[in-house]
């Protein structure tokens, strides 16, 4: 698999004081789903091959780990933006964000 010399050419790193990790957000140039770069398609196919080798129990465990990580990152972002919030406030905000999430 040949990767382009600079797979993120044209991307810009935007640093945001309110990002949940503090590491900034990477904004890549917009492209349609049909124009997905080869390295992204290859990475997706590789990840799907890994998932296919996993047992249903392993896939469930992985999904639960990813869910916990997402919730922890989201909670960290809320704590960073709202230092006066109690843990109860943070948990409520995370639950509301997930409940009202949209895709697409």
Protein backbone atom coordinates (compact mmCIF):
# COMPACT_ATOMS: atom_id res chain seq x y z
CA UNK A 1 0.00 0.00 0.00
CA UNK A 2 1.53 3.29 -1.10
CA UNK A 3 0.58 6.29 1.01
CA UNK A 4 0.82 9.79 -0.40
CA UNK A 5 3.87 11.75 0.73
CA UNK A 6 1.64 14.13 2.68
CA UNK A 7 -1.74 12.52 3.39
CA UNK A 8 -2.89 15.65 5.25
CA UNK A 9 -1.83 18.17 2.59
CA UNK A 10 -4.04 21.21 2.89
CA UNK A 11 -5.12 20.32 6.42
CA UNK A 12 -4.87 22.94 9.11
CA UNK A 13 -4.53 22.46 12.83
CA UNK A 14 -6.85 24.68 14.81
CA UNK A 15 -6.11 25.13 18.48
CA UNK A 16 -9.15 25.70 20.59
CA UNK A 17 -9.12 26.53 24.28
CA UNK A 18 -12.38 24.64 24.60
CA UNK A 19 -11.29 21.41 22.95
CA UNK A 20 -11.77 18.46 25.25
CA UNK A 21 -8.17 17.26 24.93
CA UNK A 22 -6.40 20.58 24.56
CA UNK A 23 -4.49 19.12 21.61
CA UNK A 24 -6.40 21.07 18.99
CA UNK A 25 -8.66 19.91 16.20
CA UNK A 26 -7.45 18.86 12.78
CA UNK A 27 -9.53 20.24 9.92
CA UNK A 28 -8.90 18.49 6.61
CA UNK A 29 -10.05 19.90 3.30
CA UNK A 30 -13.65 18.98 2.49
CA UNK A 31 -14.21 16.08 0.13
CA UNK A 32 -17.17 14.00 -0.88
CA UNK A 33 -17.63 10.43 0.32
CA UNK A 34 -16.94 9.18 -3.20
CA UNK A 35 -13.60 11.05 -3.17
CA UNK A 36 -12.35 9.24 -0.06
CA UNK A 37 -8.54 9.07 -0.23
CA UNK A 38 -7.00 5.66 -0.85
CA UNK A 39 -5.22 5.64 2.52
CA UNK A 40 -8.51 6.25 4.36
CA UNK A 41 -10.24 3.49 2.41
CA UNK A 42 -7.32 1.14 3.09
CA UNK A 43 -7.36 1.99 6.81
CA UNK A 44 -11.11 1.36 6.96
CA UNK A 45 -10.78 -1.99 5.18
CA UNK A 46 -7.94 -2.98 7.53
CA UNK A 47 -10.03 -2.06 10.59
CA UNK A 48 -13.02 -4.01 9.25
CA UNK A 49 -10.77 -7.05 8.69
CA UNK A 50 -9.67 -6.84 12.33
CA UNK A 51 -13.28 -6.62 13.51
CA UNK A 52 -14.22 -9.67 11.39
CA UNK A 53 -11.59 -11.76 13.20
CA UNK A 54 -12.98 -10.81 16.62
CA UNK A 55 -15.59 -12.88 18.41
CA UNK A 56 -18.93 -11.24 19.19
CA UNK A 57 -17.81 -10.91 22.82
CA UNK A 58 -14.59 -9.16 21.79
CA UNK A 59 -16.50 -6.76 19.51
CA UNK A 60 -18.89 -5.94 22.35
CA UNK A 61 -15.97 -5.35 24.73
CA UNK A 62 -14.33 -3.06 22.16
CA UNK A 63 -17.57 -1.12 21.65
CA UNK A 64 -17.94 -0.68 25.41
CA UNK A 65 -14.31 0.54 25.71
CA UNK A 66 -14.87 3.04 22.90
CA UNK A 67 -18.10 4.23 24.54
CA UNK A 68 -16.35 4.73 27.89
CA UNK A 69 -13.52 6.63 26.19
CA UNK A 70 -15.98 8.87 24.33
CA UNK A 71 -17.87 9.64 27.54
CA UNK A 72 -14.65 10.35 29.45
CA UNK A 73 -13.39 12.74 26.74
CA UNK A 74 -16.76 14.47 26.57
CA UNK A 75 -16.88 14.82 30.38
CA UNK A 76 -13.33 16.23 30.40
CA UNK A 77 -14.41 18.83 27.84
CA UNK A 78 -17.41 19.86 29.94
CA UNK A 79 -15.24 20.07 33.08
CA UNK A 80 -12.71 22.23 31.23
CA UNK A 81 -15.37 24.60 29.91
CA UNK A 82 -17.43 24.66 33.12
CA UNK A 83 -15.09 24.31 36.13
CA UNK A 84 -17.84 25.29 38.57
CA UNK A 85 -20.06 22.35 37.54
CA UNK A 86 -20.50 19.45 39.96
CA UNK A 87 -19.91 15.86 38.80
CA UNK A 88 -23.67 15.49 38.66
CA UNK A 89 -23.89 18.47 36.28
CA UNK A 90 -21.15 16.98 34.10
CA UNK A 91 -22.85 13.55 33.97
CA UNK A 92 -26.16 15.21 33.08
CA UNK A 93 -24.54 17.26 30.29
CA UNK A 94 -22.86 14.16 28.84
CA UNK A 95 -26.14 12.23 28.92
CA UNK A 96 -28.01 15.10 27.27
CA UNK A 97 -25.37 15.51 24.55
CA UNK A 98 -25.57 11.79 23.74
CA UNK A 99 -29.36 11.74 23.90
CA UNK A 100 -29.69 14.65 21.48
CA UNK A 101 -26.80 13.73 19.18
CA UNK A 102 -27.32 13.80 15.45
CA UNK A 103 -25.28 12.31 12.64
CA UNK A 104 -24.84 13.46 9.10
